[in-house]
Amino acid sequence: MHSAKMQKLTDMAQKQGHPFRVLIVDDERWVREVFRDYCALTKAFEIDLANSGEEAIRMAAATRYDLITMDLIMPEVSGLEALGAIKRASPQTPVMVVTGNATDKLVHEAGVQGASGVLYKPILLEDFISALVDRLER
């Protein structure tokens, strides 16, 4: 299943003439690296990594991303605060929330703030790729 989705992503990137710029935001290094490695399975992505909400806000202000994946529960600047700041500065940028332990209330609030979807950890490779294809097709 995921090979067809991977091919679709590659075709979409080739059609637009450049890879999709994706920012992966998570305070856990292994999570960032797993997502980066998923994305490296295709040439359709150019990946940046941020380890905090504060870093994500700074990077999103400096670079136009096709998609941002955002952990909700992070120290200092939470994913929810970063989501709000990014959506205010760049309303058209899709931000997909990724969470392992957020409450329904927090996930709902992320939707209110403009999140384009929610993925729950642990995430299977094919579900992650599928969600990226769905968001990028819009």
N, C-alpha and C. Protein backbone atom coordinates (compact mmCIF):
# COMPACT_ATOMS: atom_id res chain seq x y z
N MET A 1 0.83 -1.20 0.00
CA MET A 1 0.00 0.00 0.00
C MET A 1 0.86 1.25 0.00
N HIS A 2 1.86 1.31 0.88
CA HIS A 2 2.59 2.57 0.99
C HIS A 2 3.45 2.86 -0.24
N SER A 3 3.80 1.83 -1.02
CA SER A 3 4.61 2.11 -2.21
C SER A 3 3.81 2.92 -3.24
N ALA A 4 2.52 2.67 -3.35
CA ALA A 4 1.68 3.46 -4.27
C ALA A 4 1.59 4.90 -3.78
N LYS A 5 1.44 5.09 -2.47
CA LYS A 5 1.39 6.44 -1.90
C LYS A 5 2.73 7.15 -2.08
N MET A 6 3.83 6.41 -1.88
CA MET A 6 5.17 6.98 -2.07
C MET A 6 5.34 7.44 -3.51
N GLN A 7 4.87 6.60 -4.45
CA GLN A 7 4.98 6.94 -5.86
C GLN A 7 4.15 8.19 -6.15
N LYS A 8 2.97 8.26 -5.56
CA LYS A 8 2.10 9.42 -5.75
C LYS A 8 2.80 10.70 -5.27
N LEU A 9 3.43 10.62 -4.09
CA LEU A 9 4.16 11.77 -3.55
C LEU A 9 5.29 12.20 -4.49
N THR A 10 6.03 11.21 -4.99
CA THR A 10 7.13 11.49 -5.91
C THR A 10 6.59 12.16 -7.18
N ASP A 11 5.49 11.64 -7.71
CA ASP A 11 4.87 12.22 -8.91
C ASP A 11 4.41 13.65 -8.66
N MET A 12 3.80 13.89 -7.48
CA MET A 12 3.31 15.23 -7.13
C MET A 12 4.49 16.21 -7.06
N ALA A 13 5.59 15.79 -6.45
CA ALA A 13 6.77 16.66 -6.32
C ALA A 13 7.37 16.94 -7.69
N GLN A 14 7.44 15.91 -8.54
CA GLN A 14 8.00 16.11 -9.88
C GLN A 14 7.13 17.06 -10.69
N LYS A 15 5.82 16.92 -10.54
CA LYS A 15 4.89 17.77 -11.28
C LYS A 15 5.07 19.25 -10.92
N GLN A 16 5.32 19.52 -9.63
CA GLN A 16 5.51 20.92 -9.23
C GLN A 16 6.95 21.38 -9.44
N GLY A 17 7.84 20.45 -9.78
CA GLY A 17 9.20 20.83 -10.14
C GLY A 17 10.19 20.96 -8.99
N HIS A 18 9.75 20.64 -7.78
CA HIS A 18 10.66 20.69 -6.62
C HIS A 18 10.05 19.87 -5.48
N PRO A 19 10.90 19.42 -4.54
CA PRO A 19 10.38 18.64 -3.41
C PRO A 19 9.49 19.49 -2.51
N PHE A 20 8.63 18.82 -1.78
CA PHE A 20 7.81 19.49 -0.77
C PHE A 20 8.70 19.85 0.42
N ARG A 21 8.57 21.09 0.92
CA ARG A 21 9.30 21.51 2.12
C ARG A 21 8.44 21.13 3.33
N VAL A 22 8.99 20.32 4.21
CA VAL A 22 8.27 19.85 5.39
C VAL A 22 9.10 20.15 6.63
N LEU A 23 8.43 20.71 7.65
CA LEU A 23 9.06 20.95 8.95
C LEU A 23 8.47 19.95 9.94
N ILE A 24 9.33 19.18 10.57
CA ILE A 24 8.91 18.19 11.57
C ILE A 24 9.30 18.73 12.94
N VAL A 25 8.29 18.92 13.80
CA VAL A 25 8.51 19.53 15.11
C VAL A 25 8.16 18.53 16.21
N ASP A 26 9.15 18.16 17.01
CA ASP A 26 8.91 17.27 18.14
C ASP A 26 10.07 17.45 19.12
N ASP A 27 9.78 17.44 20.41
CA ASP A 27 10.85 17.62 21.39
C ASP A 27 11.65 16.34 21.60
N GLU A 28 11.18 15.21 21.08
CA GLU A 28 11.92 13.96 21.20
C GLU A 28 12.71 13.72 19.92
N ARG A 29 14.04 13.64 20.05
CA ARG A 29 14.91 13.51 18.88
C ARG A 29 14.58 12.27 18.06
N TRP A 30 14.34 11.13 18.74
CA TRP A 30 14.08 9.89 17.99
C TRP A 30 12.82 10.00 17.14
N VAL A 31 11.81 10.73 17.60
CA VAL A 31 10.58 10.91 16.83
C VAL A 31 10.89 11.74 15.57
N ARG A 32 11.62 12.83 15.74
CA ARG A 32 12.01 13.65 14.57
C ARG A 32 12.78 12.82 13.57
N GLU A 33 13.70 12.01 14.07
CA GLU A 33 14.54 11.21 13.18
C GLU A 33 13.76 10.12 12.46
N VAL A 34 12.81 9.49 13.15
CA VAL A 34 11.98 8.46 12.51
C VAL A 34 11.16 9.10 11.38
N PHE A 35 10.53 10.24 11.65
CA PHE A 35 9.74 10.92 10.61
C PHE A 35 10.63 11.35 9.44
N ARG A 36 11.82 11.88 9.77
CA ARG A 36 12.76 12.28 8.71
C ARG A 36 13.14 11.07 7.86
N ASP A 37 13.41 9.94 8.53
CA ASP A 37 13.79 8.72 7.80
C ASP A 37 12.64 8.19 6.95
N TYR A 38 11.40 8.29 7.46
CA TYR A 38 10.22 7.92 6.64
C TYR A 38 10.24 8.74 5.36
N CYS A 39 10.41 10.04 5.52
CA CYS A 39 10.35 10.97 4.38
C CYS A 39 11.51 10.77 3.43
N ALA A 40 12.64 10.28 3.93
CA ALA A 40 13.82 10.07 3.10
C ALA A 40 13.65 8.87 2.16
N LEU A 41 12.60 8.09 2.36
CA LEU A 41 12.34 6.94 1.48
C LEU A 41 11.91 7.39 0.08
N THR A 42 11.60 8.65 -0.07
CA THR A 42 11.23 9.21 -1.37
C THR A 42 12.00 10.51 -1.57
N LYS A 43 12.19 10.90 -2.79
CA LYS A 43 12.87 12.17 -3.09
C LYS A 43 11.87 13.34 -3.11
N ALA A 44 10.66 13.08 -2.65
CA ALA A 44 9.59 14.09 -2.73
C ALA A 44 9.68 15.16 -1.65
N PHE A 45 10.59 14.99 -0.67
CA PHE A 45 10.63 15.90 0.46
C PHE A 45 11.98 16.55 0.67
N GLU A 46 11.92 17.78 1.16
CA GLU A 46 13.07 18.45 1.73
C GLU A 46 12.66 18.70 3.18
N ILE A 47 13.37 18.09 4.12
CA ILE A 47 12.94 18.07 5.52
C ILE A 47 13.79 18.99 6.38
N ASP A 48 13.11 19.76 7.23
CA ASP A 48 13.77 20.50 8.30
C ASP A 48 13.23 19.95 9.62
N LEU A 49 14.04 20.03 10.66
CA LEU A 49 13.64 19.53 11.98
C LEU A 49 13.71 20.66 13.00
N ALA A 50 12.73 20.68 13.89
CA ALA A 50 12.73 21.63 15.01
C ALA A 50 12.46 20.85 16.28
N ASN A 51 13.16 21.21 17.36
CA ASN A 51 13.00 20.46 18.61
C ASN A 51 12.15 21.18 19.64
N SER A 52 11.56 22.33 19.26
CA SER A 52 10.72 23.06 20.21
C SER A 52 9.71 23.92 19.47
N GLY A 53 8.68 24.33 20.18
CA GLY A 53 7.69 25.22 19.60
C GLY A 53 8.31 26.55 19.21
N GLU A 54 9.21 27.04 20.05
CA GLU A 54 9.89 28.31 19.79
C GLU A 54 10.70 28.23 18.49
N GLU A 55 11.46 27.15 18.32
CA GLU A 55 12.26 26.95 17.12
C GLU A 55 11.34 26.83 15.89
N ALA A 56 10.22 26.14 16.04
CA ALA A 56 9.27 25.97 14.93
C ALA A 56 8.71 27.32 14.47
N ILE A 57 8.37 28.18 15.40
CA ILE A 57 7.83 29.51 15.06
C ILE A 57 8.89 30.30 14.29
N ARG A 58 10.11 30.27 14.77
CA ARG A 58 11.22 30.98 14.12
C ARG A 58 11.45 30.44 12.69
N MET A 59 11.49 29.12 12.55
CA MET A 59 11.75 28.51 11.24
C MET A 59 10.60 28.76 10.27
N ALA A 60 9.36 28.68 10.77
CA ALA A 60 8.19 28.90 9.91
C ALA A 60 8.11 30.36 9.45
N ALA A 61 8.66 31.28 10.25
CA ALA A 61 8.67 32.69 9.85
C ALA A 61 9.70 32.93 8.75
N ALA A 62 10.77 32.12 8.73
CA ALA A 62 11.87 32.32 7.79
C ALA A 62 11.71 31.54 6.49
N THR A 63 10.92 30.48 6.51
CA THR A 63 10.81 29.57 5.36
C THR A 63 9.35 29.25 5.08
N ARG A 64 9.00 29.17 3.79
CA ARG A 64 7.64 28.76 3.43
C ARG A 64 7.59 27.23 3.35
N TYR A 65 6.82 26.63 4.23
CA TYR A 65 6.69 25.16 4.25
C TYR A 65 5.40 24.74 3.58
N ASP A 66 5.46 23.59 2.90
CA ASP A 66 4.26 23.00 2.31
C ASP A 66 3.44 22.29 3.37
N LEU A 67 4.13 21.87 4.45
CA LEU A 67 3.46 21.13 5.52
C LEU A 67 4.34 21.17 6.76
N ILE A 68 3.69 21.28 7.92
CA ILE A 68 4.38 21.20 9.20
C ILE A 68 3.71 20.11 10.02
N THR A 69 4.52 19.20 10.61
CA THR A 69 3.96 18.26 11.59
C THR A 69 4.38 18.76 12.96
N MET A 70 3.43 18.83 13.88
CA MET A 70 3.66 19.49 15.17
C MET A 70 3.24 18.61 16.33
N ASP A 71 4.19 18.28 17.20
CA ASP A 71 3.87 17.61 18.45
C ASP A 71 3.12 18.61 19.33
N LEU A 72 2.13 18.17 20.07
CA LEU A 72 1.37 19.10 20.92
C LEU A 72 2.01 19.32 22.28
N ILE A 73 2.51 18.24 22.88
CA ILE A 73 3.03 18.33 24.25
C ILE A 73 4.55 18.53 24.20
N MET A 74 4.97 19.77 24.42
CA MET A 74 6.40 20.11 24.44
C MET A 74 6.63 21.12 25.57
N PRO A 75 7.83 21.10 26.16
CA PRO A 75 8.12 22.07 27.24
C PRO A 75 8.22 23.50 26.68
N GLU A 76 8.18 24.46 27.57
CA GLU A 76 8.25 25.89 27.25
C GLU A 76 7.12 26.30 26.31
N VAL A 77 7.40 26.43 25.01
CA VAL A 77 6.35 26.80 24.05
C VAL A 77 5.69 25.51 23.56
N SER A 78 4.42 25.31 23.91
CA SER A 78 3.74 24.07 23.53
C SER A 78 3.45 24.05 22.04
N GLY A 79 3.12 22.87 21.54
CA GLY A 79 2.73 22.73 20.15
C GLY A 79 1.50 23.56 19.84
N LEU A 80 0.59 23.66 20.80
CA LEU A 80 -0.63 24.45 20.62
C LEU A 80 -0.29 25.93 20.45
N GLU A 81 0.60 26.44 21.30
CA GLU A 81 1.02 27.85 21.17
C GLU A 81 1.73 28.08 19.84
N ALA A 82 2.62 27.15 19.46
CA ALA A 82 3.36 27.28 18.20
C ALA A 82 2.39 27.21 17.02
N LEU A 83 1.43 26.30 17.07
CA LEU A 83 0.41 26.18 16.02
C LEU A 83 -0.32 27.51 15.83
N GLY A 84 -0.76 28.10 16.94
CA GLY A 84 -1.47 29.38 16.89
C GLY A 84 -0.63 30.47 16.26
N ALA A 85 0.63 30.57 16.68
CA ALA A 85 1.53 31.61 16.17
C ALA A 85 1.80 31.40 14.67
N ILE A 86 2.03 30.17 14.27
CA ILE A 86 2.31 29.87 12.86
C ILE A 86 1.08 30.16 12.00
N LYS A 87 -0.10 29.76 12.47
CA LYS A 87 -1.33 29.98 11.68
C LYS A 87 -1.66 31.48 11.58
N ARG A 88 -1.35 32.25 12.62
CA ARG A 88 -1.58 33.70 12.54
C ARG A 88 -0.64 34.33 11.51
N ALA A 89 0.61 33.89 11.48
CA ALA A 89 1.60 34.45 10.56
C ALA A 89 1.43 33.93 9.14
N SER A 90 0.98 32.69 9.01
CA SER A 90 0.90 32.03 7.71
C SER A 90 -0.32 31.11 7.67
N PRO A 91 -1.52 31.69 7.55
CA PRO A 91 -2.76 30.91 7.67
C PRO A 91 -2.88 29.77 6.65
N GLN A 92 -2.22 29.89 5.50
CA GLN A 92 -2.37 28.87 4.46
C GLN A 92 -1.48 27.64 4.68
N THR A 93 -0.51 27.74 5.60
CA THR A 93 0.39 26.60 5.84
C THR A 93 -0.33 25.50 6.61
N PRO A 94 -0.43 24.30 6.01
CA PRO A 94 -1.08 23.20 6.75
C PRO A 94 -0.19 22.70 7.89
N VAL A 95 -0.78 22.59 9.08
CA VAL A 95 -0.07 22.08 10.24
C VAL A 95 -0.81 20.84 10.73
N MET A 96 -0.13 19.70 10.67
CA MET A 96 -0.72 18.44 11.10
C MET A 96 -0.21 18.12 12.50
N VAL A 97 -1.12 17.94 13.43
CA VAL A 97 -0.78 17.66 14.81
C VAL A 97 -0.44 16.18 14.96
N VAL A 98 0.65 15.92 15.67
CA VAL A 98 1.08 14.55 15.96
C VAL A 98 1.18 14.45 17.48
N THR A 99 0.46 13.49 18.06
CA THR A 99 0.47 13.41 19.52
C THR A 99 0.37 11.98 20.01
N GLY A 100 0.96 11.76 21.17
CA GLY A 100 0.87 10.44 21.78
C GLY A 100 0.00 10.45 23.01
N ASN A 101 -0.16 11.62 23.62
CA ASN A 101 -0.85 11.64 24.91
C ASN A 101 -1.65 12.91 25.16
N ALA A 102 -2.06 13.60 24.12
CA ALA A 102 -2.87 14.81 24.32
C ALA A 102 -4.30 14.42 24.66
N THR A 103 -4.94 15.26 25.46
CA THR A 103 -6.34 15.04 25.81
C THR A 103 -7.23 15.40 24.62
N ASP A 104 -8.45 14.90 24.64
CA ASP A 104 -9.43 15.25 23.59
C ASP A 104 -9.61 16.76 23.53
N LYS A 105 -9.61 17.41 24.70
CA LYS A 105 -9.79 18.87 24.77
C LYS A 105 -8.66 19.58 24.02
N LEU A 106 -7.43 19.11 24.24
CA LEU A 106 -6.25 19.70 23.59
C LEU A 106 -6.31 19.48 22.08
N VAL A 107 -6.69 18.28 21.66
CA VAL A 107 -6.80 17.97 20.23
C VAL A 107 -7.90 18.84 19.61
N HIS A 108 -9.02 19.01 20.31
CA HIS A 108 -10.10 19.87 19.83
C HIS A 108 -9.61 21.31 19.68
N GLU A 109 -8.88 21.79 20.67
CA GLU A 109 -8.34 23.15 20.63
C GLU A 109 -7.38 23.33 19.45
N ALA A 110 -6.59 22.29 19.15
CA ALA A 110 -5.69 22.34 18.00
C ALA A 110 -6.50 22.51 16.71
N GLY A 111 -7.64 21.82 16.63
CA GLY A 111 -8.53 21.96 15.48
C GLY A 111 -9.08 23.36 15.37
N VAL A 112 -9.49 23.93 16.51
CA VAL A 112 -10.00 25.30 16.55
C VAL A 112 -8.93 26.28 16.07
N GLN A 113 -7.68 26.02 16.43
CA GLN A 113 -6.57 26.91 16.05
C GLN A 113 -6.13 26.71 14.60
N GLY A 114 -6.70 25.72 13.92
CA GLY A 114 -6.42 25.57 12.49
C GLY A 114 -5.60 24.37 12.09
N ALA A 115 -5.42 23.39 12.98
CA ALA A 115 -4.69 22.18 12.59
C ALA A 115 -5.43 21.48 11.46
N SER A 116 -4.68 20.94 10.49
CA SER A 116 -5.33 20.29 9.35
C SER A 116 -5.57 18.81 9.56
N GLY A 117 -5.22 18.29 10.71
CA GLY A 117 -5.45 16.89 10.98
C GLY A 117 -4.67 16.46 12.21
N VAL A 118 -4.95 15.25 12.68
CA VAL A 118 -4.29 14.72 13.87
C VAL A 118 -3.82 13.30 13.57
N LEU A 119 -2.59 13.01 13.93
CA LEU A 119 -2.05 11.66 13.88
C LEU A 119 -1.69 11.27 15.30
N TYR A 120 -2.01 10.03 15.68
CA TYR A 120 -1.71 9.57 17.03
C TYR A 120 -0.52 8.63 17.03
N LYS A 121 0.44 8.91 17.92
CA LYS A 121 1.61 8.04 18.09
C LYS A 121 1.18 6.79 18.85
N PRO A 122 1.75 5.64 18.59
CA PRO A 122 2.73 5.36 17.54
C PRO A 122 2.05 5.34 16.17
N ILE A 123 2.76 5.84 15.17
CA ILE A 123 2.20 5.97 13.83
C ILE A 123 2.89 4.97 12.90
N LEU A 124 2.08 4.24 12.17
CA LEU A 124 2.64 3.33 11.17
C LEU A 124 3.12 4.13 9.97
N LEU A 125 4.17 3.68 9.33
CA LEU A 125 4.73 4.34 8.17
C LEU A 125 3.65 4.63 7.12
N GLU A 126 2.84 3.63 6.80
CA GLU A 126 1.86 3.84 5.74
C GLU A 126 0.80 4.88 6.14
N ASP A 127 0.46 4.96 7.42
CA ASP A 127 -0.51 5.96 7.88
C ASP A 127 0.10 7.37 7.80
N PHE A 128 1.37 7.47 8.15
CA PHE A 128 2.07 8.76 8.10
C PHE A 128 2.14 9.26 6.66
N ILE A 129 2.59 8.39 5.74
CA ILE A 129 2.71 8.75 4.33
C ILE A 129 1.34 9.08 3.75
N SER A 130 0.35 8.28 4.09
CA SER A 130 -1.02 8.50 3.62
C SER A 130 -1.54 9.88 4.05
N ALA A 131 -1.29 10.23 5.32
CA ALA A 131 -1.72 11.53 5.83
C ALA A 131 -1.00 12.67 5.10
N LEU A 132 0.29 12.49 4.82
CA LEU A 132 1.04 13.51 4.09
C LEU A 132 0.46 13.70 2.68
N VAL A 133 0.18 12.60 2.00
CA VAL A 133 -0.41 12.67 0.66
C VAL A 133 -1.74 13.43 0.71
N ASP A 134 -2.59 13.06 1.66
CA ASP A 134 -3.91 13.71 1.79
C ASP A 134 -3.76 15.21 2.00
N ARG A 135 -2.85 15.64 2.90
CA ARG A 135 -2.68 17.06 3.18
C ARG A 135 -2.11 17.81 1.98
N LEU A 136 -1.11 17.20 1.33
CA LEU A 136 -0.43 17.88 0.24
C LEU A 136 -1.28 17.96 -1.04
N GLU A 137 -2.25 17.06 -1.16
CA GLU A 137 -3.13 17.09 -2.34
C GLU A 137 -4.10 18.25 -2.28
N ARG A 138 -4.34 18.78 -1.11
CA ARG A 138 -5.35 19.83 -0.95
C ARG A 138 -4.89 21.16 -1.49
